[in-house]
Structures are given as C-alpha cells and as structure tokens.
C-alpha cells in the first residue's frame, strides 16, 4: 500500500528524534509507546509532528498523557 510506504519512509531515526525532542528527557520512558502510536496516525498528522508544528506537538503531548494514564492504571491493577 502506497500510504504505508510513505509512513515507512518518514518513520525512521529522524521521526524518533523529533518525537524525543517534543517529549523531552523527563518523559522519555514513554517514547516507544508514543512512537508506535504515531505510526498508526494518518500521514497528515505524522507530517505535522515531523515538521514540529504546534498541532504536532499537541498530538505528541496527548499521546504522552495517554501513556501516563495507561501506566498508572497498570500499576493499580
């Protein structure tokens, strides 16, 4: 599928590094979850993150919050 090829092309070390920049060192333990979640997003959203747009930052921060919530719930179980 062409869309998957585009995702594979832009999803690599550069995207990983961009997400790391947006997350920062404090929440870096959530990077694998956020990265995998980003890969399942529409290409348009991935491009926003990759370009460092405000909307992309918002998307990444939302994923970090979701990761924190999931981790917290897992700890309570």
Protein backbone atom coordinates (compact mmCIF):
# COMPACT_ATOMS: atom_id res chain seq x y z
CA UNK A 1 0.00 0.00 0.00
CA UNK A 2 1.39 3.41 -1.00
CA UNK A 3 0.33 5.11 2.24
CA UNK A 4 2.29 2.56 4.28
CA UNK A 5 5.37 3.13 2.12
CA UNK A 6 5.17 6.86 2.85
CA UNK A 7 4.89 6.14 6.56
CA UNK A 8 7.88 3.80 6.40
CA UNK A 9 9.89 6.43 4.56
CA UNK A 10 9.35 9.22 7.08
CA UNK A 11 9.22 6.92 10.10
CA UNK A 12 12.79 6.30 10.99
CA UNK A 13 15.51 7.72 13.16
CA UNK A 14 14.59 11.28 12.24
CA UNK A 15 10.99 10.86 13.33
CA UNK A 16 12.11 9.09 16.51
CA UNK A 17 14.45 12.02 17.27
CA UNK A 18 11.72 14.58 16.54
CA UNK A 19 9.34 12.86 18.94
CA UNK A 20 12.10 12.67 21.55
CA UNK A 21 12.61 16.44 21.21
CA UNK A 22 8.90 17.03 21.74
CA UNK A 23 8.69 14.67 24.72
CA UNK A 24 11.87 15.74 26.46
CA UNK A 25 14.00 13.75 28.84
CA UNK A 26 11.52 13.68 31.71
CA UNK A 27 9.02 11.51 29.81
CA UNK A 28 11.43 9.60 27.56
CA UNK A 29 10.33 6.26 29.01
CA UNK A 30 7.09 6.73 27.07
CA UNK A 31 8.89 7.20 23.76
CA UNK A 32 8.34 3.64 22.43
CA UNK A 33 4.59 3.86 23.10
CA UNK A 34 4.32 7.32 21.57
CA UNK A 35 6.38 6.32 18.53
CA UNK A 36 4.22 3.27 17.83
CA UNK A 37 1.07 5.35 18.29
CA UNK A 38 2.36 7.99 15.88
CA UNK A 39 2.98 5.32 13.24
CA UNK A 40 -0.70 4.41 13.32
CA UNK A 41 -1.79 8.02 12.75
CA UNK A 42 -2.82 9.44 9.38
CA UNK A 43 0.09 10.65 7.26
CA UNK A 44 -1.07 14.26 7.63
CA UNK A 45 -0.67 14.07 11.41
CA UNK A 46 2.73 12.40 11.14
CA UNK A 47 3.88 15.23 8.90
CA UNK A 48 2.71 17.80 11.47
CA UNK A 49 4.79 16.07 14.12
CA UNK A 50 7.78 15.68 11.84
CA UNK A 51 7.67 19.36 10.90
CA UNK A 52 7.39 20.42 14.54
CA UNK A 53 4.06 22.21 14.04
CA UNK A 54 2.08 23.24 17.13
CA UNK A 55 -0.65 20.74 16.24
CA UNK A 56 2.01 18.03 16.05
CA UNK A 57 3.30 18.99 19.49
CA UNK A 58 -0.25 18.81 20.83
CA UNK A 59 -0.72 15.35 19.33
CA UNK A 60 2.51 14.06 20.90
CA UNK A 61 1.66 15.53 24.31
CA UNK A 62 -1.75 13.86 24.12
CA UNK A 63 -0.05 10.53 23.48
CA UNK A 64 2.29 11.08 26.43
CA UNK A 65 -0.71 11.78 28.66
CA UNK A 66 -2.39 8.61 27.40
CA UNK A 67 0.79 6.60 28.09
CA UNK A 68 1.00 8.00 31.62
CA UNK A 69 -2.64 7.14 32.27
CA UNK A 70 -2.18 3.61 30.95
CA UNK A 71 0.94 3.13 33.08
CA UNK A 72 -0.83 4.46 36.16
CA UNK A 73 -3.79 2.14 35.63
CA UNK A 74 -1.47 -0.85 35.13
CA UNK A 75 0.29 -0.06 38.41
CA UNK A 76 -3.03 -0.01 40.26
CA UNK A 77 -4.05 -3.45 38.97
